[in-house]
PDB file of N, CA and C in Angstrom:
ATOM      1  N   MET A   1       0.710  -1.088   0.029  1.00  0.00           N
ATOM      2  CA  MET A   1      -0.418   0.065   0.427  1.00  0.00           C
ATOM      3  C   MET A   1       1.322   1.575  -0.229  1.00  0.00           C
ATOM      4  N   THR A   2       0.953   2.223  -1.029  1.00  0.00           N
ATOM      5  CA  THR A   2       1.281   3.544  -1.252  1.00  0.00           C
ATOM      6  C   THR A   2       0.709   4.359   0.326  1.00  0.00           C
ATOM      7  N   GLN A   3       2.406   4.977   0.644  1.00  0.00           N
ATOM      8  CA  GLN A   3       2.428   6.319   1.836  1.00  0.00           C
ATOM      9  C   GLN A   3       1.464   7.575   1.014  1.00  0.00           C
ATOM     10  N   ILE A   4       0.852   8.231   1.972  1.00  0.00           N
ATOM     11  CA  ILE A   4       0.603   9.165   1.351  1.00  0.00           C
ATOM     12  C   ILE A   4       2.047  10.193   2.008  1.00  0.00           C
ATOM     13  N   PRO A   5       2.085  11.147   0.808  1.00  0.00           N
ATOM     14  CA  PRO A   5       3.416  11.755   1.313  1.00  0.00           C
ATOM     15  C   PRO A   5       3.740  12.898   2.554  1.00  0.00           C
ATOM     16  N   GLY A   6       4.132  13.230   2.756  1.00  0.00           N
ATOM     17  CA  GLY A   6       4.456  14.396   4.345  1.00  0.00           C
ATOM     18  C   GLY A   6       4.986  14.004   5.230  1.00  0.00           C
ATOM     19  N   LYS A   7       4.587  15.024   6.370  1.00  0.00           N
ATOM     20  CA  LYS A   7       5.740  14.813   7.823  1.00  0.00           C
ATOM     21  C   LYS A   7       4.969  13.490   8.081  1.00  0.00           C
ATOM     22  N   ARG A   8       5.490  12.401   9.095  1.00  0.00           N
ATOM     23  CA  ARG A   8       4.530  12.238  10.196  1.00  0.00           C
ATOM     24  C   ARG A   8       4.967  12.030  11.169  1.00  0.00           C
ATOM     25  N   ILE A   9       3.443  12.045  12.238  1.00  0.00           N
ATOM     26  CA  ILE A   9       3.612  12.499  13.307  1.00  0.00           C
ATOM     27  C   ILE A   9       2.333  11.888  13.832  1.00  0.00           C
ATOM     28  N   ARG A  10       2.705  11.472  15.440  1.00  0.00           N
ATOM     29  CA  ARG A  10       1.901  10.928  16.435  1.00  0.00           C
ATOM     30  C   ARG A  10       0.561  11.618  16.886  1.00  0.00           C
ATOM     31  N   VAL A  11      -0.451  10.960  16.584  1.00  0.00           N
ATOM     32  CA  VAL A  11      -1.860  12.213  17.401  1.00  0.00           C
ATOM     33  C   VAL A  11      -2.832  11.092  18.513  1.00  0.00           C
ATOM     34  N   PRO A  12      -3.355  11.706  19.556  1.00  0.00           N
ATOM     35  CA  PRO A  12      -4.505  10.562  20.381  1.00  0.00           C
ATOM     36  C   PRO A  12      -5.278  10.696  19.803  1.00  0.00           C
ATOM     37  N   LYS A  13      -5.738   9.544  19.654  1.00  0.00           N
ATOM     38  CA  LYS A  13      -7.707   9.984  19.616  1.00  0.00           C
ATOM     39  C   LYS A  13      -8.195   8.764  20.167  1.00  0.00           C
ATOM     40  N   TRP A  14      -9.132   8.687  20.954  1.00  0.00           N
ATOM     41  CA  TRP A  14     -10.537   8.701  22.147  1.00  0.00           C
ATOM     42  C   TRP A  14     -11.321   7.823  21.277  1.00  0.00           C
ATOM     43  N   ILE A  15     -11.149   6.345  21.705  1.00  0.00           N
ATOM     44  CA  ILE A  15     -11.987   5.651  21.252  1.00  0.00           C
ATOM     45  C   ILE A  15     -13.381   5.612  22.443  1.00  0.00           C
ATOM     46  N   HIS A  16     -14.442   5.189  22.482  1.00  0.00           N
ATOM     47  CA  HIS A  16     -15.472   5.597  22.636  1.00  0.00           C
ATOM     48  C   HIS A  16     -17.009   4.452  22.703  1.00  0.00           C
ATOM     49  N   GLY A  17     -16.276   3.483  23.777  1.00  0.00           N
ATOM     50  CA  GLY A  17     -17.507   1.904  24.032  1.00  0.00           C
ATOM     51  C   GLY A  17     -18.349   2.534  24.933  1.00  0.00           C
ATOM     52  N   ARG A  18     -19.353   1.286  25.193  1.00  0.00           N
ATOM     53  CA  ARG A  18     -20.605   1.688  26.080  1.00  0.00           C
ATOM     54  C   ARG A  18     -19.623   1.365  27.396  1.00  0.00           C
ATOM     55  N   LEU A  19     -19.007   0.454  28.210  1.00  0.00           N
ATOM     56  CA  LEU A  19     -18.299   0.083  29.081  1.00  0.00           C
ATOM     57  C   LEU A  19     -17.194   0.835  29.515  1.00  0.00           C
ATOM     58  N   CYS A  20     -16.358   1.416  27.956  1.00  0.00           N
ATOM     59  CA  CYS A  20     -14.928   2.101  28.215  1.00  0.00           C
ATOM     60  C   CYS A  20     -14.736   3.030  26.978  1.00  0.00           C
ATOM     61  N   VAL A  21     -13.590   4.142  27.941  1.00  0.00           N
ATOM     62  CA  VAL A  21     -13.241   4.818  26.431  1.00  0.00           C
ATOM     63  C   VAL A  21     -11.375   4.441  26.757  1.00  0.00           C
ATOM     64  N   VAL A  22     -10.858   3.832  25.138  1.00  0.00           N
ATOM     65  CA  VAL A  22      -9.715   3.874  24.858  1.00  0.00           C
ATOM     66  C   VAL A  22      -8.679   4.708  24.607  1.00  0.00           C
ATOM     67  N   ARG A  23      -7.718   5.309  25.208  1.00  0.00           N
ATOM     68  CA  ARG A  23      -7.141   6.025  24.283  1.00  0.00           C
ATOM     69  C   ARG A  23      -6.031   5.477  23.188  1.00  0.00           C
ATOM     70  N   VAL A  24      -5.575   6.059  22.419  1.00  0.00           N
ATOM     71  CA  VAL A  24      -4.006   5.937  21.334  1.00  0.00           C
ATOM     72  C   VAL A  24      -4.196   6.676  20.971  1.00  0.00           C
ATOM     73  N   GLU A  25      -2.391   6.291  20.160  1.00  0.00           N
ATOM     74  CA  GLU A  25      -1.982   7.399  19.326  1.00  0.00           C
ATOM     75  C   GLU A  25      -1.949   6.918  18.215  1.00  0.00           C
ATOM     76  N   ALA A  26      -2.370   7.421  16.807  1.00  0.00           N
ATOM     77  CA  ALA A  26      -2.560   7.264  15.958  1.00  0.00           C
ATOM     78  C   ALA A  26      -1.435   7.842  15.203  1.00  0.00           C
ATOM     79  N   GLU A  27      -0.967   7.570  13.821  1.00  0.00           N
ATOM     80  CA  GLU A  27      -0.394   7.985  12.821  1.00  0.00           C
ATOM     81  C   GLU A  27      -0.638   8.748  11.872  1.00  0.00           C
ATOM     82  N   ALA A  28      -0.087   9.867  12.263  1.00  0.00           N
ATOM     83  CA  ALA A  28      -0.676  10.863  11.001  1.00  0.00           C
ATOM     84  C   ALA A  28      -0.331  11.697  10.103  1.00  0.00           C
ATOM     85  N   VAL A  29      -0.280  11.727   9.018  1.00  0.00           N
ATOM     86  CA  VAL A  29       0.569  13.093   8.221  1.00  0.00           C
ATOM     87  C   VAL A  29      -0.093  14.029   7.751  1.00  0.00           C
ATOM     88  N   ILE A  30       0.677  15.106   8.051  1.00  0.00           N
ATOM     89  CA  ILE A  30       1.021  16.447   7.522  1.00  0.00           C
ATOM     90  C   ILE A  30       1.174  16.638   6.249  1.00  0.00           C
ATOM     91  N   LEU A  31       0.109  16.733   4.987  1.00  0.00           N
ATOM     92  CA  LEU A  31       0.711  16.659   3.489  1.00  0.00           C
ATOM     93  C   LEU A  31       1.702  17.985   3.443  1.00  0.00           C
ATOM     94  N   ASP A  32       2.996  17.830   2.827  1.00  0.00           N
ATOM     95  CA  ASP A  32       3.409  19.230   1.461  1.00  0.00           C
ATOM     96  C   ASP A  32       2.803  20.281   1.635  1.00  0.00           C
ATOM     97  N   ALA A  33       1.785  19.614   0.855  1.00  0.00           N
ATOM     98  CA  ALA A  33       0.047  20.517  -0.245  1.00  0.00           C
ATOM     99  C   ALA A  33      -1.010  21.349   1.025  1.00  0.00           C
ATOM    100  N   ASP A  34      -0.654  20.703   1.745  1.00  0.00           N
ATOM    101  CA  ASP A  34      -2.128  21.407   2.548  1.00  0.00           C
ATOM    102  C   ASP A  34      -1.396  21.123   4.543  1.00  0.00           C
ATOM    103  N   THR A  35      -0.990  21.612   4.689  1.00  0.00           N
ATOM    104  CA  THR A  35      -0.514  21.587   6.454  1.00  0.00           C
ATOM    105  C   THR A  35      -1.334  21.919   7.430  1.00  0.00           C
ATOM    106  N   SER A  36      -2.559  22.367   6.530  1.00  0.00           N
ATOM    107  CA  SER A  36      -3.409  23.065   8.211  1.00  0.00           C
ATOM    108  C   SER A  36      -4.191  22.365   9.352  1.00  0.00           C
ATOM    109  N   GLU A  37      -3.969  20.510   8.923  1.00  0.00           N
ATOM    110  CA  GLU A  37      -4.048  20.096   9.721  1.00  0.00           C
ATOM    111  C   GLU A  37      -3.645  18.464   9.281  1.00  0.00           C
ATOM    112  N   PRO A  38      -3.450  17.659   9.939  1.00  0.00           N
ATOM    113  CA  PRO A  38      -2.815  16.004   9.880  1.00  0.00           C
ATOM    114  C   PRO A  38      -4.340  15.368   9.566  1.00  0.00           C
ATOM    115  N   CYS A  39      -3.610  14.815   8.741  1.00  0.00           N
ATOM    116  CA  CYS A  39      -5.029  13.690   7.641  1.00  0.00           C
ATOM    117  C   CYS A  39      -3.984  11.864   8.372  1.00  0.00           C
ATOM    118  N   LEU A  40      -5.317  10.750   7.960  1.00  0.00           N
ATOM    119  CA  LEU A  40      -4.993   9.816   8.554  1.00  0.00           C
ATOM    120  C   LEU A  40      -5.141   8.612   7.179  1.00  0.00           C
ATOM    121  N   GLU A  41      -4.169   8.079   7.266  1.00  0.00           N
ATOM    122  CA  GLU A  41      -4.426   7.063   6.402  1.00  0.00           C
ATOM    123  C   GLU A  41      -5.365   5.756   6.196  1.00  0.00           C
ATOM    124  N   PRO A  42      -5.511   5.110   5.245  1.00  0.00           N
ATOM    125  CA  PRO A  42      -6.412   4.231   5.038  1.00  0.00           C
ATOM    126  C   PRO A  42      -6.565   3.041   6.407  1.00  0.00           C
ATOM    127  N   ALA A  43      -4.980   2.797   6.340  1.00  0.00           N
ATOM    128  CA  ALA A  43      -4.800   1.762   6.982  1.00  0.00           C
ATOM    129  C   ALA A  43      -5.194   2.538   8.681  1.00  0.00           C
ATOM    130  N   THR A  44      -5.077   3.025   8.969  1.00  0.00           N
ATOM    131  CA  THR A  44      -5.166   3.598  10.193  1.00  0.00           C
ATOM    132  C   THR A  44      -6.725   3.934  10.850  1.00  0.00           C
ATOM    133  N   LEU A  45      -7.400   4.088   9.787  1.00  0.00           N
ATOM    134  CA  LEU A  45      -8.637   4.820   9.966  1.00  0.00           C
ATOM    135  C   LEU A  45      -9.095   2.714  10.152  1.00  0.00           C
ATOM    136  N   GLN A  46      -8.863   1.587   8.918  1.00  0.00           N
ATOM    137  CA  GLN A  46      -9.096   0.533   9.774  1.00  0.00           C
ATOM    138  C   GLN A  46      -9.494   0.170  10.968  1.00  0.00           C
ATOM    139  N   TRP A  47      -7.571   0.755  11.040  1.00  0.00           N
ATOM    140  CA  TRP A  47      -7.241   0.087  12.546  1.00  0.00           C
ATOM    141  C   TRP A  47      -7.880   0.801  13.851  1.00  0.00           C
ATOM    142  N   LEU A  48      -8.531   1.783  13.557  1.00  0.00           N
ATOM    143  CA  LEU A  48      -9.384   2.585  14.550  1.00  0.00           C
ATOM    144  C   LEU A  48     -10.322   2.135  14.780  1.00  0.00           C
ATOM    145  N   ASP A  49     -10.945   1.628  13.407  1.00  0.00           N
ATOM    146  CA  ASP A  49     -12.256   0.906  13.469  1.00  0.00           C
ATOM    147  C   ASP A  49     -12.223  -0.763  13.849  1.00  0.00           C
ATOM    148  N   GLU A  50     -11.728  -0.692  13.993  1.00  0.00           N
ATOM    149  CA  GLU A  50     -10.724  -2.276  14.452  1.00  0.00           C
ATOM    150  C   GLU A  50     -10.776  -2.347  15.855  1.00  0.00           C
ATOM    151  N   LEU A  51     -10.186  -1.359  16.307  1.00  0.00           N
ATOM    152  CA  LEU A  51     -10.450  -0.779  17.446  1.00  0.00           C
ATOM    153  C   LEU A  51     -12.078  -0.538  18.400  1.00  0.00           C
ATOM    154  N   GLN A  52     -12.604   0.532  17.108  1.00  0.00           N
ATOM    155  CA  GLN A  52     -13.945   0.832  17.774  1.00  0.00           C
ATOM    156  C   GLN A  52     -15.346  -0.259  18.078  1.00  0.00           C
ATOM    157  N   GLU A  53     -14.361  -1.744  17.226  1.00  0.00           N
ATOM    158  CA  GLU A  53     -15.331  -3.275  17.636  1.00  0.00           C
ATOM    159  C   GLU A  53     -14.801  -3.267  18.775  1.00  0.00           C
ATOM    160  N   LEU A  54     -13.760  -3.181  19.057  1.00  0.00           N
ATOM    161  CA  LEU A  54     -13.320  -4.180  20.274  1.00  0.00           C
ATOM    162  C   LEU A  54     -13.872  -3.353  21.608  1.00  0.00           C
ATOM    163  N   ALA A  55     -14.112  -1.725  21.323  1.00  0.00           N
ATOM    164  CA  ALA A  55     -14.583  -0.925  22.293  1.00  0.00           C
ATOM    165  C   ALA A  55     -16.366  -1.075  22.434  1.00  0.00           C
ATOM    166  N   ASP A  56     -16.781  -1.400  20.948  1.00  0.00           N
ATOM    167  CA  ASP A  56     -18.039  -2.105  21.258  1.00  0.00           C
ATOM    168  C   ASP A  56     -18.392  -3.308  22.015  1.00  0.00           C
ATOM    169  N   ASP A  57     -17.708  -4.407  22.050  1.00  0.00           N
ATOM    170  CA  ASP A  57     -17.860  -6.037  22.473  1.00  0.00           C
ATOM    171  C   ASP A  57     -17.330  -5.111  24.200  1.00  0.00           C
ATOM    172  N   GLY A  58     -16.554  -4.443  24.667  1.00  0.00           N
ATOM    173  CA  GLY A  58     -16.171  -4.737  25.828  1.00  0.00           C
ATOM    174  C   GLY A  58     -15.085  -4.828  26.360  1.00  0.00           C
ATOM    175  N   ASP A  59     -14.035  -5.106  25.244  1.00  0.00           N
ATOM    176  CA  ASP A  59     -12.897  -5.997  25.554  1.00  0.00           C
ATOM    177  C   ASP A  59     -12.155  -5.495  25.719  1.00  0.00           C
ATOM    178  N   ILE A  60     -11.539  -4.932  27.110  1.00  0.00           N
ATOM    179  CA  ILE A  60     -10.953  -4.369  28.020  1.00  0.00           C
ATOM    180  C   ILE A  60      -9.322  -4.986  27.725  1.00  0.00           C
ATOM    181  N   ASP A  61      -9.034  -5.765  28.149  1.00  0.00           N
ATOM    182  CA  ASP A  61      -8.518  -6.285  27.942  1.00  0.00           C
ATOM    183  C   ASP A  61      -7.157  -7.060  26.398  1.00  0.00           C
ATOM    184  N   ALA A  62      -8.262  -6.434  24.957  1.00  0.00           N
ATOM    185  CA  ALA A  62      -7.712  -6.157  24.678  1.00  0.00           C
ATOM    186  C   ALA A  62      -7.273  -4.978  24.109  1.00  0.00           C
ATOM    187  N   LEU A  63      -8.434  -4.246  24.533  1.00  0.00           N
ATOM    188  CA  LEU A  63      -7.946  -3.083  24.026  1.00  0.00           C
ATOM    189  C   LEU A  63      -6.406  -2.328  25.033  1.00  0.00           C
ATOM    190  N   ALA A  64      -6.363  -2.589  25.992  1.00  0.00           N
ATOM    191  CA  ALA A  64      -5.305  -2.583  26.714  1.00  0.00           C
ATOM    192  C   ALA A  64      -3.817  -2.559  26.510  1.00  0.00           C
ATOM    193  N   LYS A  65      -3.987  -3.824  25.106  1.00  0.00           N
ATOM    194  CA  LYS A  65      -2.826  -3.693  24.182  1.00  0.00           C
ATOM    195  C   LYS A  65      -2.482  -2.534  23.725  1.00  0.00           C
ATOM    196  N   PHE A  66      -3.207  -2.163  23.141  1.00  0.00           N
ATOM    197  CA  PHE A  66      -3.137  -0.357  22.040  1.00  0.00           C
ATOM    198  C   PHE A  66      -3.003   0.976  23.007  1.00  0.00           C
ATOM    199  N   GLY A  67      -3.419   0.344  23.841  1.00  0.00           N
ATOM    200  CA  GLY A  67      -3.419   1.881  24.245  1.00  0.00           C
ATOM    201  C   GLY A  67      -4.293   2.401  25.940  1.00  0.00           C
ATOM    202  N   GLU A  68      -4.425   3.373  27.056  1.00  0.00           N
ATOM    203  CA  GLU A  68      -4.472   3.439  28.159  1.00  0.00           C
ATOM    204  C   GLU A  68      -6.302   3.307  28.197  1.00  0.00           C
ATOM    205  N   VAL A  69      -6.816   2.423  28.490  1.00  0.00           N
ATOM    206  CA  VAL A  69      -8.198   2.148  28.990  1.00  0.00           C
ATOM    207  C   VAL A  69      -9.064   3.019  30.214  1.00  0.00           C
ATOM    208  N   PHE A  70      -9.760   3.563  29.720  1.00  0.00           N
ATOM    209  CA  PHE A  70     -10.391   3.957  31.178  1.00  0.00           C
ATOM    210  C   PHE A  70     -12.069   3.387  31.240  1.00  0.00           C
ATOM    211  N   VAL A  71     -11.978   2.745  32.421  1.00  0.00           N
ATOM    212  CA  VAL A  71     -13.803   1.792  32.721  1.00  0.00           C
ATOM    213  C   VAL A  71     -14.221   3.102  33.219  1.00  0.00           C
ATOM    214  N   ARG A  72     -15.748   2.607  32.994  1.00  0.00           N
ATOM    215  CA  ARG A  72     -16.889   3.090  33.015  1.00  0.00           C
ATOM    216  C   ARG A  72     -17.657   2.889  34.340  1.00  0.00           C
ATOM    217  N   ARG A  73     -17.584   3.483  35.329  1.00  0.00           N
ATOM    218  CA  ARG A  73     -17.965   2.600  36.457  1.00  0.00           C
ATOM    219  C   ARG A  73     -18.937   3.683  37.252  1.00  0.00           C
ATOM    220  N   THR A  74     -20.157   3.179  37.561  1.00  0.00           N
ATOM    221  CA  THR A  74     -21.387   3.937  38.357  1.00  0.00           C
ATOM    222  C   THR A  74     -20.783   4.724  39.702  1.00  0.00           C
ATOM    223  N   ALA A  75     -22.020   5.508  40.141  1.00  0.00           N
ATOM    224  CA  ALA A  75     -21.351   6.604  41.248  1.00  0.00           C
ATOM    225  C   ALA A  75     -21.894   5.703  42.953  1.00  0.00           C
TER     226      ALA A  75
END
């Protein structure tokens, strides 16, 4: 898969599930032609979608391998 040309940076992304929230660092690209904001490549978007499925399923152990997980608790 061809990568988009530009400067690669890490950006925080939050994935929200019913039982938890996970903070991950995703790779983004600052385009040479448009430096106004970082863009995500298709592979990164697919990875974030996979993490969203894990969050929707409440798979906290799997999510913990990729980022910091915050579990929702009742007061």
